[in-house]
Amino acid sequence: MDKQIKRLLNGNKYSPKEYQFVIQSDHGQTNGATFKQRYGQSFEDFIKSLLPQGTDIYANMSSNEDHFAEAYVPFSDKIKGFKNRNKKNEETVISESDIVVLASGNLAMIYLTHVSHRLTYEEINNMFPDMIHEIVNNEYIGFILVRSSQKGDMAIGKNGIYYLDNDEIEGKNPLEGFGDNIVQHLKRSSSFKYTPDILVNSFYDAENDEVCAFEELVGSHGGVGGSQSEPFILYPSDWNVPDEEIVGAENIYRVLKTNLENIKEIDKSG
């Protein structure tokens, strides 16, 4: 990788225009045996086992970009997205499904498609009384994110609940060990218009730096836990970059735009 970066820098010597180089990583990778390898059953089949017989479920346990993007559009628009890909059989299956389960690394997203709005914790418990309890208490699950009509956003673990809206913890903190910025990231995720009804993150084994991916990848990203949460940015030393930690893609964008504007002003001034 260093050699490739050096090639780009050397190539700049022969360009009529001088370029500045900024190198960003998307994320890291966190290793670990998958949910299926550990539990003996795929996450999709585990969710099926919690549902009444006859419940139709569509699952895509792969972080293929096309499928992962569908997690952030409304279910009706999701069908349109599949139509654009001309996969009529797949559209039909999805449109007739009661539940959609998607995954990326050790992150899983569960949509209950009975209604168009994001279901509350109370509504989910009313529809499927055992689902949340069984998911949370699976030994390979770290926490889930749901929204309560009474308590707001909640991160629920086996022995405690983190009430994100008022920053209060009941019992043991379920987000312990998932990084200093986990609360901020969950609040951001929950603010999206089409956040899943249940967002699931696997456990994190800090001693071995391992997570439990829901897709069949032993080196994964998508959720939180371990080195997957540690990106980096390499930038010119004369750039104006704040000393404090940069958190989130939006703030990286602001750094890039600010320095780009500074460069333009310098060019104008000669």
C-alpha atoms as a PDB file:
ATOM      1  CA  MET A   1       0.000   0.000   0.000  1.00  0.00           C
ATOM      2  CA  ASP A   2       2.831   2.396   0.799  1.00  0.00           C
ATOM      3  CA  LYS A   3       4.337   1.715  -2.635  1.00  0.00           C
ATOM      4  CA  GLN A   4       1.072   2.555  -4.384  1.00  0.00           C
ATOM      5  CA  ILE A   5       0.753   5.806  -2.468  1.00  0.00           C
ATOM      6  CA  LYS A   6       4.335   6.671  -3.383  1.00  0.00           C
ATOM      7  CA  ARG A   7       3.556   6.040  -7.067  1.00  0.00           C
ATOM      8  CA  LEU A   8       0.742   8.586  -6.914  1.00  0.00           C
ATOM      9  CA  LEU A   9       2.925  11.145  -5.183  1.00  0.00           C
ATOM     10  CA  ASN A  10       5.724  10.658  -7.716  1.00  0.00           C
ATOM     11  CA  GLY A  11       3.255  10.956 -10.588  1.00  0.00           C
ATOM     12  CA  ASN A  12       2.312  14.361  -9.291  1.00  0.00           C
ATOM     13  CA  LYS A  13       5.782  15.603 -10.296  1.00  0.00           C
ATOM     14  CA  TYR A  14       4.846  15.211 -13.974  1.00  0.00           C
ATOM     15  CA  SER A  15       1.433  16.844 -13.781  1.00  0.00           C
ATOM     16  CA  PRO A  16       0.978  20.425 -15.042  1.00  0.00           C
ATOM     17  CA  LYS A  17      -1.259  20.947 -12.035  1.00  0.00           C
ATOM     18  CA  GLU A  18      -0.168  20.309  -8.473  1.00  0.00           C
ATOM     19  CA  TYR A  19      -2.373  17.946  -6.529  1.00  0.00           C
ATOM     20  CA  GLN A  20      -2.730  17.480  -2.798  1.00  0.00           C
ATOM     21  CA  PHE A  21      -3.397  13.963  -1.624  1.00  0.00           C
ATOM     22  CA  VAL A  22      -5.807  12.903   1.084  1.00  0.00           C
ATOM     23  CA  ILE A  23      -6.044   9.206   1.899  1.00  0.00           C
ATOM     24  CA  GLN A  24      -8.949   7.840   3.884  1.00  0.00           C
ATOM     25  CA  SER A  25      -9.815   4.397   5.100  1.00  0.00           C
ATOM     26  CA  ASP A  26     -13.449   3.372   5.102  1.00  0.00           C
ATOM     27  CA  HIS A  27     -13.146   1.242   8.234  1.00  0.00           C
ATOM     28  CA  GLY A  28     -11.151  -1.569   9.727  1.00  0.00           C
ATOM     29  CA  GLN A  29     -12.007  -5.244  10.026  1.00  0.00           C
ATOM     30  CA  THR A  30     -12.876  -7.240  13.115  1.00  0.00           C
ATOM     31  CA  ASN A  31     -12.306 -10.985  13.045  1.00  0.00           C
ATOM     32  CA  GLY A  32     -14.264 -13.780  14.623  1.00  0.00           C
ATOM     33  CA  ALA A  33     -16.237 -16.923  13.877  1.00  0.00           C
ATOM     34  CA  THR A  34     -19.680 -16.213  12.434  1.00  0.00           C
ATOM     35  CA  PHE A  35     -23.044 -16.553  14.143  1.00  0.00           C
ATOM     36  CA  LYS A  36     -23.749 -19.737  12.190  1.00  0.00           C
ATOM     37  CA  GLN A  37     -20.387 -21.244  13.078  1.00  0.00           C
ATOM     38  CA  ARG A  38     -20.838 -20.476  16.759  1.00  0.00           C
ATOM     39  CA  TYR A  39     -24.561 -21.117  17.195  1.00  0.00           C
ATOM     40  CA  GLY A  40     -24.986 -23.917  14.678  1.00  0.00           C
ATOM     41  CA  GLN A  41     -27.816 -22.035  13.002  1.00  0.00           C
ATOM     42  CA  SER A  42     -27.873 -18.992  10.748  1.00  0.00           C
ATOM     43  CA  PHE A  43     -29.260 -15.736  12.113  1.00  0.00           C
ATOM     44  CA  GLU A  44     -32.025 -15.952   9.525  1.00  0.00           C
ATOM     45  CA  ASP A  45     -33.069 -19.394  10.817  1.00  0.00           C
ATOM     46  CA  PHE A  46     -32.781 -18.206  14.390  1.00  0.00           C
ATOM     47  CA  ILE A  47     -35.243 -15.373  13.677  1.00  0.00           C
ATOM     48  CA  LYS A  48     -37.541 -17.822  11.867  1.00  0.00           C
ATOM     49  CA  SER A  49     -37.595 -19.995  14.975  1.00  0.00           C
ATOM     50  CA  LEU A  50     -39.008 -17.086  16.969  1.00  0.00           C
ATOM     51  CA  LEU A  51     -41.925 -16.457  14.615  1.00  0.00           C
ATOM     52  CA  PRO A  52     -45.350 -18.071  14.434  1.00  0.00           C
ATOM     53  CA  GLN A  53     -45.590 -20.891  11.931  1.00  0.00           C
ATOM     54  CA  GLY A  54     -46.499 -19.621   8.497  1.00  0.00           C
ATOM     55  CA  THR A  55     -44.814 -16.220   8.890  1.00  0.00           C
ATOM     56  CA  ASP A  56     -43.175 -15.237   5.619  1.00  0.00           C
ATOM     57  CA  ILE A  57     -39.613 -13.964   5.948  1.00  0.00           C
ATOM     58  CA  TYR A  58     -37.217 -12.546   3.380  1.00  0.00           C
ATOM     59  CA  ALA A  59     -33.562 -12.484   4.353  1.00  0.00           C
ATOM     60  CA  ASN A  60     -30.377 -11.439   2.639  1.00  0.00           C
ATOM     61  CA  MET A  61     -27.447 -12.103   4.922  1.00  0.00           C
ATOM     62  CA  SER A  62     -24.838 -10.485   2.717  1.00  0.00           C
ATOM     63  CA  SER A  63     -23.263  -7.041   2.683  1.00  0.00           C
ATOM     64  CA  ASN A  64     -23.555  -6.799  -1.093  1.00  0.00           C
ATOM     65  CA  GLU A  65     -23.869  -3.036  -1.622  1.00  0.00           C
ATOM     66  CA  ASP A  66     -27.189  -3.278  -3.489  1.00  0.00           C
ATOM     67  CA  HIS A  67     -28.872  -5.128  -0.656  1.00  0.00           C
ATOM     68  CA  PHE A  68     -27.311  -3.122   2.169  1.00  0.00           C
ATOM     69  CA  ALA A  69     -28.527   0.131   0.625  1.00  0.00           C
ATOM     70  CA  GLU A  70     -32.074  -1.166   0.772  1.00  0.00           C
ATOM     71  CA  ALA A  71     -32.004  -0.954   4.557  1.00  0.00           C
ATOM     72  CA  TYR A  72     -32.318   2.822   4.304  1.00  0.00           C
ATOM     73  CA  VAL A  73     -35.349   3.155   2.033  1.00  0.00           C
ATOM     74  CA  PRO A  74     -39.034   2.634   2.846  1.00  0.00           C
ATOM     75  CA  PHE A  75     -40.401  -0.810   2.193  1.00  0.00           C
ATOM     76  CA  SER A  76     -42.565   0.350  -0.720  1.00  0.00           C
ATOM     77  CA  ASP A  77     -39.575   2.096  -2.294  1.00  0.00           C
ATOM     78  CA  LYS A  78     -37.507  -0.988  -1.587  1.00  0.00           C
ATOM     79  CA  ILE A  79     -39.785  -2.914  -3.911  1.00  0.00           C
ATOM     80  CA  LYS A  80     -39.253  -0.260  -6.589  1.00  0.00           C
ATOM     81  CA  GLY A  81     -35.526  -0.666  -6.132  1.00  0.00           C
ATOM     82  CA  PHE A  82     -35.797  -4.375  -6.807  1.00  0.00           C
ATOM     83  CA  LYS A  83     -37.938  -3.686  -9.864  1.00  0.00           C
ATOM     84  CA  ASN A  84     -35.186  -1.496 -11.213  1.00  0.00           C
ATOM     85  CA  ARG A  85     -32.910  -4.528 -11.008  1.00  0.00           C
ATOM     86  CA  ASN A  86     -35.437  -6.608 -12.994  1.00  0.00           C
ATOM     87  CA  LYS A  87     -35.618  -9.443 -10.499  1.00  0.00           C
ATOM     88  CA  LYS A  88     -39.339 -10.134 -10.594  1.00  0.00           C
ATOM     89  CA  ASN A  89     -39.223 -13.297  -8.522  1.00  0.00           C
ATOM     90  CA  GLU A  90     -37.320 -11.509  -5.789  1.00  0.00           C
ATOM     91  CA  GLU A  91     -39.725  -8.541  -5.801  1.00  0.00           C
ATOM     92  CA  THR A  92     -42.667 -10.872  -5.357  1.00  0.00           C
ATOM     93  CA  VAL A  93     -41.059 -12.694  -2.462  1.00  0.00           C
ATOM     94  CA  ILE A  94     -40.212  -9.450  -0.696  1.00  0.00           C
ATOM     95  CA  SER A  95     -43.592  -7.836  -1.269  1.00  0.00           C
ATOM     96  CA  GLU A  96     -45.307 -10.868   0.257  1.00  0.00           C
ATOM     97  CA  SER A  97     -42.951 -11.161   3.232  1.00  0.00           C
ATOM     98  CA  ASP A  98     -44.009 -10.304   6.773  1.00  0.00           C
ATOM     99  CA  ILE A  99     -40.429  -9.724   7.897  1.00  0.00           C
ATOM    100  CA  VAL A 100     -37.269  -8.607   6.106  1.00  0.00           C
ATOM    101  CA  VAL A 101     -33.866  -9.377   7.638  1.00  0.00           C
ATOM    102  CA  LEU A 102     -30.667  -7.826   6.266  1.00  0.00           C
ATOM    103  CA  ALA A 103     -27.100  -8.069   7.496  1.00  0.00           C
ATOM    104  CA  SER A 104     -23.696  -6.490   7.132  1.00  0.00           C
ATOM    105  CA  GLY A 105     -20.942  -8.004   9.212  1.00  0.00           C
ATOM    106  CA  ASN A 106     -22.040  -8.194  12.828  1.00  0.00           C
ATOM    107  CA  LEU A 107     -24.941  -5.803  12.233  1.00  0.00           C
ATOM    108  CA  ALA A 108     -28.425  -7.084  11.414  1.00  0.00           C
ATOM    109  CA  MET A 109     -31.549  -5.118  10.553  1.00  0.00           C
ATOM    110  CA  ILE A 110     -35.056  -6.456  11.078  1.00  0.00           C
ATOM    111  CA  TYR A 111     -38.071  -4.845   9.398  1.00  0.00           C
ATOM    112  CA  LEU A 112     -41.575  -5.915  10.365  1.00  0.00           C
ATOM    113  CA  THR A 113     -43.530  -4.991   7.271  1.00  0.00           C
ATOM    114  CA  HIS A 114     -47.092  -5.123   8.623  1.00  0.00           C
ATOM    115  CA  VAL A 115     -47.191  -1.342   8.816  1.00  0.00           C
ATOM    116  CA  SER A 116     -45.369   1.463   7.029  1.00  0.00           C
ATOM    117  CA  HIS A 117     -44.021   3.263  10.119  1.00  0.00           C
ATOM    118  CA  ARG A 118     -41.177   2.216  12.361  1.00  0.00           C
ATOM    119  CA  LEU A 119     -42.716  -0.043  14.976  1.00  0.00           C
ATOM    120  CA  THR A 120     -42.223   0.768  18.633  1.00  0.00           C
ATOM    121  CA  TYR A 121     -40.859  -1.570  21.264  1.00  0.00           C
ATOM    122  CA  GLU A 122     -44.376  -1.918  22.647  1.00  0.00           C
ATOM    123  CA  GLU A 123     -45.902  -2.721  19.238  1.00  0.00           C
ATOM    124  CA  ILE A 124     -43.262  -5.350  18.502  1.00  0.00           C
ATOM    125  CA  ASN A 125     -43.873  -7.027  21.853  1.00  0.00           C
ATOM    126  CA  ASN A 126     -47.592  -7.019  21.159  1.00  0.00           C
ATOM    127  CA  MET A 127     -47.132  -8.662  17.731  1.00  0.00           C
ATOM    128  CA  PHE A 128     -44.352 -11.077  18.673  1.00  0.00           C
ATOM    129  CA  PRO A 129     -44.198 -11.343  22.490  1.00  0.00           C
ATOM    130  CA  ASP A 130     -41.033 -13.449  22.658  1.00  0.00           C
ATOM    131  CA  MET A 131     -38.971 -11.995  19.811  1.00  0.00           C
ATOM    132  CA  ILE A 132     -37.078  -9.190  21.543  1.00  0.00           C
ATOM    133  CA  HIS A 133     -36.487 -11.223  24.689  1.00  0.00           C
ATOM    134  CA  GLU A 134     -35.082 -14.190  22.752  1.00  0.00           C
ATOM    135  CA  ILE A 135     -32.867 -12.062  20.507  1.00  0.00           C
ATOM    136  CA  VAL A 136     -31.364 -10.134  23.412  1.00  0.00           C
ATOM    137  CA  ASN A 137     -30.748 -13.263  25.439  1.00  0.00           C
ATOM    138  CA  ASN A 138     -28.965 -15.143  22.684  1.00  0.00           C
ATOM    139  CA  GLU A 139     -25.395 -15.573  23.919  1.00  0.00           C
ATOM    140  CA  TYR A 140     -23.932 -14.142  20.713  1.00  0.00           C
ATOM    141  CA  ILE A 141     -25.952 -10.929  20.713  1.00  0.00           C
ATOM    142  CA  GLY A 142     -24.476  -7.821  22.311  1.00  0.00           C
ATOM    143  CA  PHE A 143     -27.389  -5.384  22.183  1.00  0.00           C
ATOM    144  CA  ILE A 144     -30.364  -4.277  20.121  1.00  0.00           C
ATOM    145  CA  LEU A 145     -31.647  -0.804  19.319  1.00  0.00           C
ATOM    146  CA  VAL A 146     -35.404  -0.185  19.416  1.00  0.00           C
ATOM    147  CA  ARG A 147     -37.627   2.817  19.994  1.00  0.00           C
ATOM    148  CA  SER A 148     -40.124   2.853  22.845  1.00  0.00           C
ATOM    149  CA  SER A 149     -43.248   4.989  22.694  1.00  0.00           C
ATOM    150  CA  GLN A 150     -42.732   5.731  26.389  1.00  0.00           C
ATOM    151  CA  LYS A 151     -38.955   5.773  26.880  1.00  0.00           C
ATOM    152  CA  GLY A 152     -37.630   6.796  23.453  1.00  0.00           C
ATOM    153  CA  ASP A 153     -34.610   5.089  21.918  1.00  0.00           C
ATOM    154  CA  MET A 154     -33.312   2.149  23.921  1.00  0.00           C
ATOM    155  CA  ALA A 155     -30.204   0.002  23.609  1.00  0.00           C
ATOM    156  CA  ILE A 156     -31.120  -3.255  25.318  1.00  0.00           C
ATOM    157  CA  GLY A 157     -28.627  -5.850  26.509  1.00  0.00           C
ATOM    158  CA  LYS A 158     -28.940  -8.994  28.581  1.00  0.00           C
ATOM    159  CA  ASN A 159     -28.569  -7.265  31.923  1.00  0.00           C
ATOM    160  CA  GLY A 160     -29.452  -3.653  31.302  1.00  0.00           C
ATOM    161  CA  ILE A 161     -30.932  -0.892  29.186  1.00  0.00           C
ATOM    162  CA  TYR A 162     -29.364   2.353  27.996  1.00  0.00           C
ATOM    163  CA  TYR A 163     -32.026   5.032  27.530  1.00  0.00           C
ATOM    164  CA  LEU A 164     -30.410   7.111  24.800  1.00  0.00           C
ATOM    165  CA  ASP A 165     -32.784  10.072  24.936  1.00  0.00           C
ATOM    166  CA  ASN A 166     -32.021  10.968  28.554  1.00  0.00           C
ATOM    167  CA  ASP A 167     -28.603   9.267  28.851  1.00  0.00           C
ATOM    168  CA  GLU A 168     -29.658   6.992  31.704  1.00  0.00           C
ATOM    169  CA  ILE A 169     -28.680   3.383  32.337  1.00  0.00           C
ATOM    170  CA  GLU A 170     -30.787   0.756  34.069  1.00  0.00           C
ATOM    171  CA  GLY A 171     -28.788  -2.224  35.301  1.00  0.00           C
ATOM    172  CA  LYS A 172     -25.547  -3.019  33.473  1.00  0.00           C
ATOM    173  CA  ASN A 173     -24.542  -0.771  30.585  1.00  0.00           C
ATOM    174  CA  PRO A 174     -25.192  -2.842  27.405  1.00  0.00           C
ATOM    175  CA  LEU A 175     -22.924  -0.531  25.370  1.00  0.00           C
ATOM    176  CA  GLU A 176     -19.833  -1.016  27.519  1.00  0.00           C
ATOM    177  CA  GLY A 177     -16.843  -2.003  25.406  1.00  0.00           C
ATOM    178  CA  PHE A 178     -18.285  -0.778  22.114  1.00  0.00           C
ATOM    179  CA  GLY A 179     -16.299   2.452  21.962  1.00  0.00           C
ATOM    180  CA  ASP A 180     -16.512   5.960  23.387  1.00  0.00           C
ATOM    181  CA  ASN A 181     -18.739   7.199  20.558  1.00  0.00           C
ATOM    182  CA  ILE A 182     -21.275   4.379  20.447  1.00  0.00           C
ATOM    183  CA  VAL A 183     -24.105   6.429  21.953  1.00  0.00           C
ATOM    184  CA  GLN A 184     -23.589   9.194  19.412  1.00  0.00           C
ATOM    185  CA  HIS A 185     -23.564   6.675  16.547  1.00  0.00           C
ATOM    186  CA  LEU A 186     -26.735   4.958  17.730  1.00  0.00           C
ATOM    187  CA  LYS A 187     -28.568   8.251  18.119  1.00  0.00           C
ATOM    188  CA  ARG A 188     -27.539   9.161  14.587  1.00  0.00           C
ATOM    189  CA  SER A 189     -28.671   5.790  13.220  1.00  0.00           C
ATOM    190  CA  SER A 190     -31.969   6.054  15.032  1.00  0.00           C
ATOM    191  CA  SER A 191     -32.590   9.494  13.564  1.00  0.00           C
ATOM    192  CA  PHE A 192     -32.747   8.109  10.016  1.00  0.00           C
ATOM    193  CA  LYS A 193     -36.207   8.090   8.519  1.00  0.00           C
ATOM    194  CA  TYR A 194     -36.076   4.398   7.657  1.00  0.00           C
ATOM    195  CA  THR A 195     -34.206   2.935  10.600  1.00  0.00           C
ATOM    196  CA  PRO A 196     -35.094  -0.763  11.053  1.00  0.00           C
ATOM    197  CA  ASP A 197     -37.641  -1.732  13.674  1.00  0.00           C
ATOM    198  CA  ILE A 198     -34.965  -3.785  15.414  1.00  0.00           C
ATOM    199  CA  LEU A 199     -31.258  -3.117  14.906  1.00  0.00           C
ATOM    200  CA  VAL A 200     -29.086  -5.960  16.203  1.00  0.00           C
ATOM    201  CA  ASN A 201     -25.362  -5.899  17.005  1.00  0.00           C
ATOM    202  CA  SER A 202     -23.439  -9.020  17.956  1.00  0.00           C
ATOM    203  CA  PHE A 203     -21.418  -9.396  21.110  1.00  0.00           C
ATOM    204  CA  TYR A 204     -17.830  -8.157  21.227  1.00  0.00           C
ATOM    205  CA  ASP A 205     -15.117 -10.225  22.852  1.00  0.00           C
ATOM    206  CA  ALA A 206     -12.575  -7.592  23.904  1.00  0.00           C
ATOM    207  CA  GLU A 207     -10.043 -10.156  25.124  1.00  0.00           C
ATOM    208  CA  ASN A 208      -9.778 -11.783  21.695  1.00  0.00           C
ATOM    209  CA  ASP A 209     -10.904  -8.729  19.685  1.00  0.00           C
ATOM    210  CA  GLU A 210     -13.661 -10.757  18.026  1.00  0.00           C
ATOM    211  CA  VAL A 211     -17.232 -10.178  16.911  1.00  0.00           C
ATOM    212  CA  CYS A 212     -19.816 -12.587  15.555  1.00  0.00           C
ATOM    213  CA  ALA A 213     -20.804 -11.755  11.981  1.00  0.00           C
ATOM    214  CA  PHE A 214     -24.316 -12.561  10.784  1.00  0.00           C
ATOM    215  CA  GLU A 215     -23.044 -13.121   7.255  1.00  0.00           C
ATOM    216  CA  GLU A 216     -20.473 -15.784   6.511  1.00  0.00           C
ATOM    217  CA  LEU A 217     -17.382 -13.596   6.754  1.00  0.00           C
ATOM    218  CA  VAL A 218     -14.860 -14.201   9.514  1.00  0.00           C
ATOM    219  CA  GLY A 219     -13.322 -10.771   8.921  1.00  0.00           C
ATOM    220  CA  SER A 220     -16.186  -8.307   8.908  1.00  0.00           C
ATOM    221  CA  HIS A 221     -17.429  -4.763   9.327  1.00  0.00           C
ATOM    222  CA  GLY A 222     -20.817  -3.085   9.405  1.00  0.00           C
ATOM    223  CA  GLY A 223     -21.572  -3.003  13.097  1.00  0.00           C
ATOM    224  CA  VAL A 224     -19.464  -1.960  16.069  1.00  0.00           C
ATOM    225  CA  GLY A 225     -16.836  -3.696  18.145  1.00  0.00           C
ATOM    226  CA  GLY A 226     -13.085  -3.883  17.728  1.00  0.00           C
ATOM    227  CA  SER A 227     -10.856  -2.560  14.989  1.00  0.00           C
ATOM    228  CA  GLN A 228     -13.671  -2.201  12.433  1.00  0.00           C
ATOM    229  CA  SER A 229     -14.454   1.031  14.269  1.00  0.00           C
ATOM    230  CA  GLU A 230     -10.997   2.518  13.725  1.00  0.00           C
ATOM    231  CA  PRO A 231     -10.667   4.377  10.397  1.00  0.00           C
ATOM    232  CA  PHE A 232      -7.928   6.882   9.587  1.00  0.00           C
ATOM    233  CA  ILE A 233      -7.268   9.918   7.400  1.00  0.00           C
ATOM    234  CA  LEU A 234      -3.857  10.916   5.995  1.00  0.00           C
ATOM    235  CA  TYR A 235      -3.649  14.547   4.917  1.00  0.00           C
ATOM    236  CA  PRO A 236      -1.081  17.272   4.085  1.00  0.00           C
ATOM    237  CA  SER A 237       0.675  18.573   7.184  1.00  0.00           C
ATOM    238  CA  ASP A 238      -0.192  22.193   6.387  1.00  0.00           C
ATOM    239  CA  TRP A 239      -3.927  21.519   6.421  1.00  0.00           C
ATOM    240  CA  ASN A 240      -6.089  23.065   9.100  1.00  0.00           C
ATOM    241  CA  VAL A 241      -7.481  20.053  10.967  1.00  0.00           C
ATOM    242  CA  PRO A 242      -8.884  20.252  14.514  1.00  0.00           C
ATOM    243  CA  ASP A 243      -6.943  18.533  17.291  1.00  0.00           C
ATOM    244  CA  GLU A 244     -10.015  16.862  18.713  1.00  0.00           C
ATOM    245  CA  GLU A 245     -11.199  13.504  17.440  1.00  0.00           C
ATOM    246  CA  ILE A 246     -13.154  13.617  14.184  1.00  0.00           C
ATOM    247  CA  VAL A 247     -16.302  11.522  14.549  1.00  0.00           C
ATOM    248  CA  GLY A 248     -18.558  10.606  11.653  1.00  0.00           C
ATOM    249  CA  ALA A 249     -18.551  10.983   7.879  1.00  0.00           C
ATOM    250  CA  GLU A 250     -20.222  14.398   8.047  1.00  0.00           C
ATOM    251  CA  ASN A 251     -17.350  15.860  10.047  1.00  0.00           C
ATOM    252  CA  ILE A 252     -14.747  14.355   7.705  1.00  0.00           C
ATOM    253  CA  TYR A 253     -16.626  16.022   4.859  1.00  0.00           C
ATOM    254  CA  ARG A 254     -16.487  19.376   6.653  1.00  0.00           C
ATOM    255  CA  VAL A 255     -12.717  19.057   7.094  1.00  0.00           C
ATOM    256  CA  LEU A 256     -12.284  18.293   3.395  1.00  0.00           C
ATOM    257  CA  LYS A 257     -14.544  21.121   2.248  1.00  0.00           C
ATOM    258  CA  THR A 258     -12.978  23.675   4.586  1.00  0.00           C
ATOM    259  CA  ASN A 259      -9.469  22.931   3.389  1.00  0.00           C
ATOM    260  CA  LEU A 260     -10.573  22.788  -0.245  1.00  0.00           C
ATOM    261  CA  GLU A 261     -12.008  26.295   0.113  1.00  0.00           C
ATOM    262  CA  ASN A 262      -8.773  27.449   1.739  1.00  0.00           C
ATOM    263  CA  ILE A 263      -6.773  26.093  -1.203  1.00  0.00           C
ATOM    264  CA  LYS A 264      -9.055  27.892  -3.656  1.00  0.00           C
ATOM    265  CA  GLU A 265      -8.601  31.171  -1.792  1.00  0.00           C
ATOM    266  CA  ILE A 266      -4.809  30.750  -1.848  1.00  0.00           C
ATOM    267  CA  ASP A 267      -4.906  30.043  -5.603  1.00  0.00           C
ATOM    268  CA  LYS A 268      -6.986  33.159  -6.206  1.00  0.00           C
ATOM    269  CA  SER A 269      -4.614  35.333  -4.224  1.00  0.00           C
ATOM    270  CA  GLY A 270      -1.727  34.066  -6.325  1.00  0.00           C
END
